[in-house]
N, C-alpha and C. Protein backbone atom coordinates (compact mmCIF):
# COMPACT_ATOMS: atom_id res chain seq x y z
N UNK A 1 19.34 36.38 7.56
CA UNK A 1 18.45 36.64 6.37
C UNK A 1 17.15 37.15 6.86
N UNK A 2 16.63 38.26 6.23
CA UNK A 2 15.56 38.81 6.56
C UNK A 2 14.26 38.18 5.96
N UNK A 3 13.37 37.77 6.90
CA UNK A 3 11.96 37.26 6.42
C UNK A 3 10.90 38.18 7.07
N UNK A 4 10.09 38.89 6.19
CA UNK A 4 9.14 39.65 6.76
C UNK A 4 8.12 38.93 7.56
N UNK A 5 7.63 39.74 8.67
CA UNK A 5 6.64 38.99 9.48
C UNK A 5 5.21 39.34 8.81
N UNK A 6 4.18 38.67 9.18
CA UNK A 6 2.85 38.96 8.69
C UNK A 6 2.45 40.30 9.30
N UNK A 7 1.81 41.06 8.45
CA UNK A 7 1.33 42.31 8.98
C UNK A 7 0.15 42.17 9.79
N UNK A 8 0.28 42.83 11.03
CA UNK A 8 -0.96 42.59 12.01
C UNK A 8 -2.10 43.48 11.41
N UNK A 9 -3.16 43.42 12.08
CA UNK A 9 -4.24 44.26 11.90
C UNK A 9 -3.98 45.65 12.22
N UNK A 10 -4.01 46.60 11.40
CA UNK A 10 -3.68 48.05 11.53
C UNK A 10 -4.93 48.78 11.74
N UNK A 11 -5.03 49.26 13.04
CA UNK A 11 -6.30 49.90 13.45
C UNK A 11 -6.07 51.53 13.26
N UNK A 12 -4.72 52.09 13.40
CA UNK A 12 -4.53 53.36 13.22
C UNK A 12 -3.03 53.63 12.71
N UNK A 13 -2.71 54.88 12.61
CA UNK A 13 -1.38 55.19 12.11
C UNK A 13 -0.33 54.78 13.10
N UNK A 14 -0.56 54.73 14.34
CA UNK A 14 0.46 54.32 15.33
C UNK A 14 0.72 52.84 15.13
N UNK A 15 -0.13 51.96 14.93
CA UNK A 15 -0.14 50.49 14.74
C UNK A 15 0.89 50.30 13.47
N UNK A 16 0.54 51.13 12.44
CA UNK A 16 1.39 51.03 11.24
C UNK A 16 2.80 51.42 11.40
N UNK A 17 2.97 52.52 12.29
CA UNK A 17 4.33 53.03 12.53
C UNK A 17 5.05 51.94 13.24
N UNK A 18 4.59 51.31 14.32
CA UNK A 18 5.23 50.27 15.02
C UNK A 18 5.51 49.17 14.20
N UNK A 19 4.62 48.67 13.38
CA UNK A 19 4.93 47.47 12.41
C UNK A 19 6.11 47.89 11.50
N UNK A 20 6.15 49.09 10.92
CA UNK A 20 7.14 49.45 10.01
C UNK A 20 8.49 49.55 10.71
N UNK A 21 8.54 50.16 11.78
CA UNK A 21 9.66 50.28 12.65
C UNK A 21 10.26 48.98 13.07
N UNK A 22 9.54 48.03 13.43
CA UNK A 22 9.92 46.67 13.83
C UNK A 22 10.48 46.00 12.52
N UNK A 23 9.86 46.10 11.47
CA UNK A 23 10.41 45.42 10.18
C UNK A 23 11.72 46.12 9.67
N UNK A 24 11.85 47.47 9.85
CA UNK A 24 13.19 48.04 9.59
C UNK A 24 14.18 47.55 10.42
N UNK A 25 13.93 47.38 11.69
CA UNK A 25 14.92 47.01 12.84
C UNK A 25 15.48 45.55 12.38
N UNK A 26 14.35 44.60 11.93
CA UNK A 26 14.72 43.35 11.47
C UNK A 26 15.69 43.24 10.39
N UNK A 27 15.38 44.26 9.37
CA UNK A 27 16.17 44.32 8.23
C UNK A 27 17.57 44.74 8.52
N UNK A 28 17.76 45.73 9.34
CA UNK A 28 19.13 46.12 9.83
C UNK A 28 19.89 45.01 10.57
N UNK A 29 19.20 44.26 11.46
CA UNK A 29 19.85 43.23 12.19
C UNK A 29 20.31 42.12 11.10
N UNK A 30 19.57 41.87 10.13
CA UNK A 30 19.99 40.84 9.19
C UNK A 30 21.15 41.31 8.35
N UNK A 31 21.54 42.58 8.33
CA UNK A 31 22.68 42.94 7.43
C UNK A 31 23.89 43.12 8.29
N UNK A 32 23.99 42.73 9.52
CA UNK A 32 25.09 43.16 10.38
C UNK A 32 26.21 42.08 9.97
N UNK A 33 27.33 42.52 9.69
CA UNK A 33 28.58 41.75 9.63
C UNK A 33 28.36 40.29 9.01
N UNK A 34 28.40 40.16 7.76
CA UNK A 34 28.29 38.75 7.22
C UNK A 34 29.76 38.28 6.97
N UNK A 35 30.16 37.13 7.62
CA UNK A 35 31.42 36.68 7.56
C UNK A 35 31.59 35.57 6.46
N UNK A 36 30.57 34.98 5.95
CA UNK A 36 30.69 33.92 4.89
C UNK A 36 29.45 33.94 4.04
N UNK A 37 29.57 33.55 2.81
CA UNK A 37 28.35 33.33 1.98
C UNK A 37 28.39 31.95 1.45
N UNK A 38 27.30 31.31 1.49
CA UNK A 38 27.28 29.93 1.14
C UNK A 38 26.53 29.74 -0.25
N UNK A 39 27.29 29.55 -1.25
CA UNK A 39 26.74 29.50 -2.61
C UNK A 39 26.53 28.02 -3.01
N UNK A 40 25.32 27.68 -3.33
CA UNK A 40 25.10 26.22 -3.79
C UNK A 40 25.18 26.10 -5.25
N UNK A 41 25.79 25.02 -5.84
CA UNK A 41 25.85 24.84 -7.21
C UNK A 41 24.49 24.81 -7.86
N UNK A 42 24.31 25.51 -9.03
CA UNK A 42 23.14 25.52 -9.64
C UNK A 42 23.32 24.76 -11.03
N UNK A 43 22.16 24.29 -11.53
CA UNK A 43 22.20 23.16 -12.65
C UNK A 43 21.79 23.84 -13.93
N UNK A 44 21.25 25.09 -13.94
CA UNK A 44 20.72 25.70 -15.15
C UNK A 44 21.19 27.26 -15.09
N UNK A 45 21.45 27.80 -16.25
CA UNK A 45 21.73 29.13 -16.34
C UNK A 45 20.58 30.15 -15.71
N UNK A 46 21.01 31.08 -14.99
CA UNK A 46 20.03 31.88 -14.38
C UNK A 46 19.11 32.53 -15.40
N UNK A 47 17.78 32.73 -15.29
CA UNK A 47 16.92 33.29 -16.26
C UNK A 47 17.13 34.65 -16.52
N UNK A 48 17.52 35.46 -15.55
CA UNK A 48 17.73 36.87 -15.70
C UNK A 48 19.04 37.31 -14.98
N UNK A 49 20.16 36.88 -15.63
CA UNK A 49 21.41 37.29 -15.04
C UNK A 49 21.65 38.86 -14.95
N UNK A 50 22.26 39.39 -14.00
CA UNK A 50 22.46 40.76 -13.87
C UNK A 50 24.01 41.06 -13.70
N UNK A 51 24.41 42.17 -14.21
CA UNK A 51 25.79 42.63 -13.96
C UNK A 51 26.15 42.33 -12.54
N UNK A 52 27.39 41.69 -12.18
CA UNK A 52 27.89 41.49 -10.89
C UNK A 52 27.31 40.23 -10.24
N UNK A 53 26.32 39.59 -10.86
CA UNK A 53 25.86 38.26 -10.23
C UNK A 53 26.90 37.26 -10.00
N UNK A 54 26.99 36.64 -8.97
CA UNK A 54 27.95 35.45 -8.71
C UNK A 54 27.16 34.23 -8.48
N UNK A 55 27.65 33.19 -9.18
CA UNK A 55 26.95 31.89 -9.00
C UNK A 55 27.98 30.81 -8.97
N UNK A 56 27.51 29.65 -8.57
CA UNK A 56 28.46 28.38 -8.66
C UNK A 56 27.76 27.50 -9.60
N UNK A 57 28.44 27.19 -10.79
CA UNK A 57 27.92 26.23 -11.76
C UNK A 57 28.31 24.86 -11.33
N UNK A 58 27.35 23.82 -11.60
CA UNK A 58 27.66 22.59 -11.22
C UNK A 58 28.68 22.00 -12.31
N UNK A 59 28.86 22.70 -13.57
CA UNK A 59 29.79 22.09 -14.44
C UNK A 59 29.38 21.00 -15.34
N UNK A 60 28.26 20.31 -14.93
CA UNK A 60 27.75 19.09 -15.76
C UNK A 60 26.47 19.60 -16.48
N UNK A 61 25.39 19.75 -15.68
CA UNK A 61 24.13 20.16 -16.36
C UNK A 61 24.28 21.63 -16.89
N UNK A 62 24.99 22.43 -16.28
CA UNK A 62 25.23 23.82 -16.85
C UNK A 62 26.77 24.19 -16.66
N UNK A 63 27.30 24.27 -17.85
CA UNK A 63 28.80 24.56 -17.84
C UNK A 63 29.02 25.91 -18.69
N UNK A 64 29.25 27.04 -17.95
CA UNK A 64 29.32 28.29 -18.71
C UNK A 64 30.68 28.51 -19.42
N UNK A 65 31.48 27.39 -19.42
CA UNK A 65 32.65 27.47 -20.28
C UNK A 65 33.95 26.89 -19.69
N UNK A 66 34.15 27.08 -18.42
CA UNK A 66 35.33 26.44 -17.82
C UNK A 66 35.11 25.39 -16.72
N UNK A 67 33.91 24.62 -16.79
CA UNK A 67 33.62 23.66 -15.82
C UNK A 67 33.06 24.13 -14.50
N UNK A 68 33.12 23.15 -13.55
CA UNK A 68 32.49 23.51 -12.28
C UNK A 68 33.25 24.64 -11.57
N UNK A 69 32.48 25.48 -10.97
CA UNK A 69 33.06 26.58 -10.17
C UNK A 69 32.28 27.81 -10.01
N UNK A 70 32.89 28.82 -9.40
CA UNK A 70 32.27 30.23 -9.25
C UNK A 70 32.37 31.04 -10.52
N UNK A 71 31.32 31.73 -10.97
CA UNK A 71 31.44 32.58 -12.00
C UNK A 71 30.77 33.89 -11.87
N UNK A 72 31.25 34.98 -12.40
CA UNK A 72 30.63 36.27 -12.27
C UNK A 72 30.04 36.77 -13.62
N UNK A 73 28.85 37.23 -13.68
CA UNK A 73 28.23 37.74 -14.88
C UNK A 73 28.78 39.17 -15.06
N UNK A 74 29.70 39.47 -16.06
CA UNK A 74 30.26 40.73 -16.34
C UNK A 74 30.45 41.03 -17.79
N UNK A 75 29.89 42.23 -18.18
CA UNK A 75 30.04 42.54 -19.57
C UNK A 75 29.30 41.51 -20.46
N UNK A 76 28.10 41.10 -20.02
CA UNK A 76 27.29 40.20 -20.69
C UNK A 76 27.80 38.70 -20.95
N UNK A 77 28.76 38.38 -20.10
CA UNK A 77 29.44 37.05 -20.24
C UNK A 77 29.69 36.44 -18.77
N UNK A 78 29.76 35.20 -18.74
CA UNK A 78 30.13 34.51 -17.48
C UNK A 78 31.61 34.25 -17.39
N UNK A 79 32.26 34.78 -16.35
CA UNK A 79 33.66 34.66 -16.27
C UNK A 79 34.04 33.88 -15.11
N UNK A 80 34.85 32.85 -15.16
CA UNK A 80 35.21 32.07 -13.96
C UNK A 80 36.04 32.88 -12.98
N UNK A 81 35.76 32.81 -11.78
CA UNK A 81 36.53 33.48 -10.70
C UNK A 81 37.70 32.60 -10.34
């Protein structure tokens, strides 16, 4: 997972170039071959669902329709996977 580093004091364009280059390299490293995704159950409906979003509903506090499990937001509806 990428976490941005704190931007150092930038004295000139070369300092800025080095910082940006280092951050882009960190982003690239964070995207290398993901073998698993760990989804934690959520207890409330996401406030801004987007097409293709996948979540795991706890099935008790939030039940999108078919109990506990993984759901995809598709065509403005939550569909159990």
